[in-house]
């Protein structure tokens, strides 16, 4: 296959994926690099599966050592599409390169969240806006489950305090997929915190709610580490605020489909992972609820409440 033909096939593949709603920014860059690698290896004949493996595992300035399994998966998707037109194209087997296991998320307790917020407020300089802004951001992340990039991209018109909602849309930074476009509710305690924040920081419709240095992820991560040390929280990341929110939603009985919408996941299966991280301390409570349901205790309680309500209506 000529280089021009291979690039045309890649452009068609990317266009189809984007039309289906997938964000292909990273894939576009990496797959063009893969096509260049194939061109350097081939002689116009069929594409070999080993080339995809070699490319995925190679280390260069553009392709780090981590994520080889993810890069190979990208190459497999393109090659599988290409094989529909060119049957001689080889596609490497799935799971050929082991993926790196993610460490289990750090689930923050309510006292730890409060300690982090207090640590942020205690940061200097005294009387400045920065400590209050840091603490407000932690409150937003822990109370809404927003991704860090989504929170960093918020501007004044995205926060609707009167309607108790925050809008995440294509104008925000780091919107991962079309499923990420959503409205998230603002709980009452957070509404008070945001109201106080807007008194201190009068952000216009297009002004960032969390201005520099919070708009820079590296700077924000450095501040987070300082807050964790001050609060005595060891091993937590900024993203763990989102995990903590998801687990608490699951424990509170939020249906999976609604949890998927709240977190902006593409599928309900992605939201299911928060169920397996529920702390063991809740197992006894869950067992007691099941036992009460099986014994009819919960039904009796509902009947008693309904009878009391009916009696009150008759007296009225």
Protein backbone atom coordinates (compact mmCIF):
# COMPACT_ATOMS: atom_id res chain seq x y z
CA UNK A 1 0.00 0.00 0.00
CA UNK A 2 1.31 3.43 -0.92
CA UNK A 3 1.91 5.98 1.87
CA UNK A 4 -0.75 8.27 0.43
CA UNK A 5 -3.33 5.48 0.40
CA UNK A 6 -2.52 4.56 4.00
CA UNK A 7 -2.97 8.17 5.13
CA UNK A 8 -6.31 8.35 3.30
CA UNK A 9 -7.49 5.20 5.09
CA UNK A 10 -6.45 6.72 8.42
CA UNK A 11 -8.27 9.99 7.73
CA UNK A 12 -11.42 8.05 6.82
CA UNK A 13 -11.15 5.95 10.01
CA UNK A 14 -10.74 9.03 12.20
CA UNK A 15 -13.65 10.79 10.50
CA UNK A 16 -15.98 7.84 11.10
CA UNK A 17 -15.00 7.61 14.77
CA UNK A 18 -15.50 11.35 15.28
CA UNK A 19 -18.90 11.16 13.57
CA UNK A 20 -19.87 8.52 16.13
CA UNK A 21 -19.06 10.96 18.92
CA UNK A 22 -15.58 9.85 19.95
CA UNK A 23 -12.94 12.43 20.83
CA UNK A 24 -9.94 11.49 18.68
CA UNK A 25 -7.39 14.21 19.46
CA UNK A 26 -4.87 11.89 21.10
CA UNK A 27 -5.58 9.05 18.67
CA UNK A 28 -5.10 11.33 15.68
CA UNK A 29 -1.60 12.29 16.79
CA UNK A 30 -0.55 8.79 17.80
CA UNK A 31 -2.02 6.98 14.79
CA UNK A 32 -0.34 9.38 12.38
CA UNK A 33 2.88 8.54 14.15
CA UNK A 34 2.04 4.84 13.78
CA UNK A 35 1.44 5.27 10.05
CA UNK A 36 4.83 6.96 9.76
CA UNK A 37 6.38 4.01 11.61
CA UNK A 38 4.67 1.56 9.24
CA UNK A 39 6.00 3.49 6.25
CA UNK A 40 9.54 3.20 7.62
CA UNK A 41 9.16 -0.57 8.07
CA UNK A 42 7.22 -1.66 5.03
CA UNK A 43 7.91 -2.09 1.36
CA UNK A 44 4.39 -1.58 0.09
CA UNK A 45 3.26 -5.05 1.17
CA UNK A 46 0.78 -6.10 3.87
CA UNK A 47 1.06 -4.54 7.31
CA UNK A 48 2.48 -6.97 9.87
CA UNK A 49 1.10 -7.32 13.39
CA UNK A 50 4.62 -7.21 14.82
CA UNK A 51 5.06 -3.67 13.55
CA UNK A 52 2.15 -2.51 15.72
CA UNK A 53 3.67 -4.23 18.76
CA UNK A 54 7.11 -2.73 18.07
CA UNK A 55 5.60 0.74 17.68
CA UNK A 56 3.48 0.48 20.82
CA UNK A 57 6.43 -0.66 22.95
CA UNK A 58 9.02 1.71 21.50
CA UNK A 59 10.24 4.60 23.64
CA UNK A 60 10.64 8.03 22.11
CA UNK A 61 10.02 11.67 22.91
CA UNK A 62 6.47 11.33 21.58
CA UNK A 63 5.69 7.87 22.97
CA UNK A 64 6.58 7.34 26.60
CA UNK A 65 7.21 3.90 28.07
CA UNK A 66 3.91 3.90 29.93
CA UNK A 67 0.69 3.17 28.12
CA UNK A 68 2.01 0.64 25.61
CA UNK A 69 -1.19 -1.41 25.94
CA UNK A 70 -3.30 1.66 25.23
CA UNK A 71 -1.26 2.56 22.15
CA UNK A 72 -1.48 -1.01 20.88
CA UNK A 73 -5.26 -0.89 21.36
CA UNK A 74 -5.41 2.27 19.22
CA UNK A 75 -3.36 0.58 16.50
CA UNK A 76 -5.54 -2.56 16.68
CA UNK A 77 -8.68 -0.49 16.12
CA UNK A 78 -7.25 1.13 13.01
CA UNK A 79 -5.82 -2.13 11.64
CA UNK A 80 -9.12 -3.96 12.19
CA UNK A 81 -10.87 -1.25 10.20
CA UNK A 82 -8.20 -1.43 7.51
CA UNK A 83 -8.53 -5.23 7.25
CA UNK A 84 -12.14 -4.82 6.12
CA UNK A 85 -10.73 -3.24 2.96
CA UNK A 86 -7.39 -5.07 2.83
CA UNK A 87 -7.91 -8.63 4.16
CA UNK A 88 -4.16 -9.34 4.21
CA UNK A 89 -3.66 -6.74 6.98
CA UNK A 90 -2.51 -8.41 10.19
CA UNK A 91 -4.12 -7.38 13.50
CA UNK A 92 -2.25 -8.23 16.72
CA UNK A 93 -4.23 -10.31 19.24
CA UNK A 94 -6.00 -8.54 22.08
CA UNK A 95 -4.13 -8.51 25.40
CA UNK A 96 -0.75 -9.10 23.79
CA UNK A 97 0.80 -6.31 25.86
CA UNK A 98 -0.08 -6.28 29.55
CA UNK A 99 -1.73 -3.09 30.74
CA UNK A 100 -0.53 -1.28 33.85
CA UNK A 101 -2.87 -1.82 36.76
CA UNK A 102 -4.20 1.34 38.29
CA UNK A 103 -3.61 1.66 42.01
CA UNK A 104 -6.82 1.54 44.08
CA UNK A 105 -8.27 5.01 44.65
CA UNK A 106 -7.78 6.79 47.94
CA UNK A 107 -11.22 7.35 49.45
CA UNK A 108 -11.24 10.52 51.49
CA UNK A 109 -13.27 10.56 54.70
CA UNK A 110 -15.44 13.59 55.57
CA UNK A 111 -12.98 14.62 58.36
CA UNK A 112 -10.11 14.45 55.87
CA UNK A 113 -11.99 16.62 53.37
CA UNK A 114 -12.65 19.19 56.08
CA UNK A 115 -8.99 19.02 57.16
CA UNK A 116 -7.89 19.69 53.57
CA UNK A 117 -10.25 22.66 53.29
CA UNK A 118 -8.96 24.06 56.59
CA UNK A 119 -5.37 23.53 55.44
CA UNK A 120 -6.14 25.46 52.25
CA UNK A 121 -7.66 28.35 54.21
CA UNK A 122 -4.62 28.46 56.49
CA UNK A 123 -2.23 28.96 53.57
CA UNK A 124 -0.74 32.40 53.16
CA UNK A 125 -0.72 35.16 52.57
CA UNK A 126 -3.28 36.07 55.21
CA UNK A 127 -6.23 38.04 53.87
CA UNK A 128 -5.41 37.20 50.26
CA UNK A 129 -7.83 35.58 47.79
CA UNK A 130 -5.68 32.51 47.08
CA UNK A 131 -6.33 30.50 50.28
CA UNK A 132 -10.08 30.99 49.93
CA UNK A 133 -9.94 30.06 46.24
CA UNK A 134 -8.01 26.85 47.00
CA UNK A 135 -10.51 25.79 49.65
CA UNK A 136 -13.45 26.55 47.34
CA UNK A 137 -11.96 24.41 44.58
CA UNK A 138 -11.55 21.45 46.95
CA UNK A 139 -15.17 21.88 47.97
CA UNK A 140 -16.31 21.89 44.35
CA UNK A 141 -14.31 18.76 43.47
CA UNK A 142 -15.49 16.81 46.50
CA UNK A 143 -19.15 17.92 46.27
CA UNK A 144 -19.73 17.54 42.52
CA UNK A 145 -17.33 14.88 41.25
CA UNK A 146 -16.05 17.16 38.48
CA UNK A 147 -12.82 16.25 36.76
CA UNK A 148 -9.99 18.60 37.69
CA UNK A 149 -9.80 19.99 34.15
CA UNK A 150 -13.56 20.60 34.11
CA UNK A 151 -13.35 22.60 37.32
CA UNK A 152 -10.34 24.54 36.07
CA UNK A 153 -12.25 25.50 32.94
CA UNK A 154 -15.29 26.92 34.71
CA UNK A 155 -16.17 30.55 34.01
CA UNK A 156 -18.74 32.79 35.66
CA UNK A 157 -21.65 31.94 33.37
CA UNK A 158 -21.22 28.20 34.01
CA UNK A 159 -22.30 28.45 37.65
CA UNK A 160 -26.04 29.03 38.17
CA UNK A 161 -26.48 29.52 41.90
CA UNK A 162 -30.16 30.40 41.63
CA UNK A 163 -30.81 27.11 39.83
CA UNK A 164 -28.28 25.19 41.94
CA UNK A 165 -26.42 23.75 38.96
CA UNK A 166 -23.06 23.88 37.17
CA UNK A 167 -22.90 23.48 33.39
CA UNK A 168 -20.10 21.47 31.79
CA UNK A 169 -19.98 21.99 28.03
CA UNK A 170 -17.65 22.12 25.05
CA UNK A 171 -16.46 25.58 26.04
CA UNK A 172 -14.93 24.17 29.23
CA UNK A 173 -11.42 22.81 29.13
CA UNK A 174 -10.74 19.08 28.99
CA UNK A 175 -14.22 17.84 28.08
CA UNK A 176 -13.27 14.23 27.40
CA UNK A 177 -16.26 12.92 25.43
CA UNK A 178 -19.74 14.08 24.39
CA UNK A 179 -21.01 12.29 27.53
CA UNK A 180 -19.02 14.77 29.62
CA UNK A 181 -21.37 17.57 28.56
CA UNK A 182 -23.85 17.77 31.44
CA UNK A 183 -25.30 19.76 34.32
CA UNK A 184 -24.32 18.81 37.86
CA UNK A 185 -26.30 19.84 40.96
CA UNK A 186 -24.93 22.21 43.57
CA UNK A 187 -25.69 20.97 47.09
CA UNK A 188 -26.78 23.62 49.59
CA UNK A 189 -23.50 23.76 51.58
CA UNK A 190 -21.54 24.25 48.36
CA UNK A 191 -23.95 26.97 47.22
CA UNK A 192 -23.08 28.93 50.35
CA UNK A 193 -19.35 28.45 49.74
CA UNK A 194 -19.64 29.53 46.10
CA UNK A 195 -21.76 32.54 47.06
CA UNK A 196 -19.05 33.67 49.47
CA UNK A 197 -16.41 33.02 46.80
CA UNK A 198 -18.23 35.27 44.31
CA UNK A 199 -18.36 38.04 46.90
CA UNK A 200 -14.58 37.85 47.20
CA UNK A 201 -13.94 37.14 43.52
CA UNK A 202 -16.47 38.90 41.28
CA UNK A 203 -16.02 36.76 38.17
CA UNK A 204 -17.74 38.06 35.04
CA UNK A 205 -19.53 35.72 32.61
CA UNK A 206 -16.31 34.88 30.74
CA UNK A 207 -13.90 35.16 33.68
CA UNK A 208 -12.41 31.99 35.19
CA UNK A 209 -13.86 31.06 38.55
CA UNK A 210 -10.50 29.70 39.65
CA UNK A 211 -7.88 32.07 38.23
CA UNK A 212 -4.12 31.54 38.04
CA UNK A 213 -2.30 29.66 39.49
CA UNK A 214 -5.22 27.21 39.82
CA UNK A 215 -5.63 27.20 36.04
CA UNK A 216 -2.24 25.45 35.77
CA UNK A 217 -2.43 21.75 36.68
CA UNK A 218 1.18 21.43 37.78
CA UNK A 219 0.92 24.42 40.09
CA UNK A 220 -2.37 23.09 41.46
CA UNK A 221 -0.81 19.69 42.12
CA UNK A 222 2.03 21.30 44.07
CA UNK A 223 -0.47 23.21 46.22
CA UNK A 224 -2.48 20.00 46.75
CA UNK A 225 0.60 18.22 48.08
CA UNK A 226 1.21 21.06 50.52
CA UNK A 227 -2.38 20.86 51.73
CA UNK A 228 -2.15 17.08 52.14
CA UNK A 229 0.99 17.40 54.25
CA UNK A 230 -0.63 20.06 56.42
CA UNK A 231 -3.82 17.99 56.82
CA UNK A 232 -1.98 14.73 57.50
CA UNK A 233 -3.44 13.05 54.40
CA UNK A 234 -0.92 10.69 52.83
CA UNK A 235 -1.23 9.24 49.33
CA UNK A 236 -4.31 11.06 48.01
CA UNK A 237 -4.44 12.74 44.60
CA UNK A 238 -6.70 15.48 43.29
CA UNK A 239 -8.58 12.90 41.22
CA UNK A 240 -9.42 11.00 44.41
CA UNK A 241 -11.94 13.75 45.20
CA UNK A 242 -13.90 12.51 42.19
CA UNK A 243 -13.56 8.86 43.26
CA UNK A 244 -14.74 9.75 46.75
CA UNK A 245 -17.80 11.53 45.35
CA UNK A 246 -18.64 8.52 43.16
CA UNK A 247 -18.37 6.03 46.02
CA UNK A 248 -20.51 8.17 48.33
CA UNK A 249 -23.14 8.45 45.58
CA UNK A 250 -23.19 4.67 45.23
CA UNK A 251 -23.45 4.20 48.99
CA UNK A 252 -26.29 6.73 49.16
CA UNK A 253 -28.27 4.64 46.66
CA UNK A 254 -27.96 6.91 43.61
CA UNK A 255 -28.99 4.71 40.63
CA UNK A 256 -26.14 3.75 38.32
CA UNK A 257 -27.67 5.50 35.31
CA UNK A 258 -27.94 8.77 37.23
CA UNK A 259 -24.43 8.32 38.64
CA UNK A 260 -23.18 7.87 35.07
CA UNK A 261 -24.79 11.19 34.13
CA UNK A 262 -23.44 12.99 37.19
CA UNK A 263 -19.87 11.90 36.48
CA UNK A 264 -20.07 12.31 32.70
CA UNK A 265 -19.16 8.70 31.91
CA UNK A 266 -19.73 7.30 28.43
CA UNK A 267 -21.28 4.06 29.73
CA UNK A 268 -23.01 2.87 32.89
CA UNK A 269 -20.37 0.13 33.19
CA UNK A 270 -17.74 2.80 33.92
CA UNK A 271 -19.81 4.02 36.86
CA UNK A 272 -20.13 0.49 38.26
CA UNK A 273 -16.51 0.52 39.40
CA UNK A 274 -17.45 2.79 42.30
CA UNK A 275 -19.52 -0.01 43.81
CA UNK A 276 -16.54 -2.32 44.29
CA UNK A 277 -14.57 0.32 46.19
CA UNK A 278 -17.17 0.63 48.94
CA UNK A 279 -15.37 0.33 52.29
CA UNK A 280 -15.96 -2.87 54.23
CA UNK A 281 -17.35 -0.80 57.09
CA UNK A 282 -20.57 -0.50 55.10
CA UNK A 283 -21.00 -4.25 54.58
CA UNK A 284 -22.65 -4.83 57.98
CA UNK A 285 -25.00 -1.91 57.36
CA UNK A 286 -25.93 -3.30 53.93
CA UNK A 287 -26.51 -6.75 55.41
CA UNK A 288 -28.79 -5.25 58.06
CA UNK A 289 -30.84 -3.49 55.37
CA UNK A 290 -31.22 -6.75 53.42
CA UNK A 291 -32.20 -8.62 56.58
CA UNK A 292 -34.77 -5.96 57.46
CA UNK A 293 -36.24 -6.17 53.98
CA UNK A 294 -36.43 -9.97 54.07
CA UNK A 295 -38.06 -9.95 57.50
CA UNK A 296 -40.65 -7.39 56.48
CA UNK A 297 -39.45 -4.78 59.00
CA UNK A 298 -39.08 -2.12 56.32
CA UNK A 299 -42.56 -2.85 54.96
CA UNK A 300 -44.03 -2.54 58.48
CA UNK A 301 -42.26 0.77 58.96
CA UNK A 302 -43.63 2.11 55.68
CA UNK A 303 -47.13 0.94 56.59
CA UNK A 304 -46.89 2.62 60.00
CA UNK A 305 -45.78 5.90 58.46
CA UNK A 306 -48.54 5.74 55.86
CA UNK A 307 -51.15 5.05 58.55
CA UNK A 308 -49.88 7.99 60.62
CA UNK A 309 -50.07 10.27 57.57
CA UNK A 310 -53.63 9.16 56.81
CA UNK A 311 -54.65 9.79 60.43
CA UNK A 312 -53.21 13.28 60.25
CA UNK A 313 -55.15 14.00 57.07
CA UNK A 314 -58.40 12.83 58.67
CA UNK A 315 -57.83 15.10 61.69
CA UNK A 316 -57.17 18.03 59.36
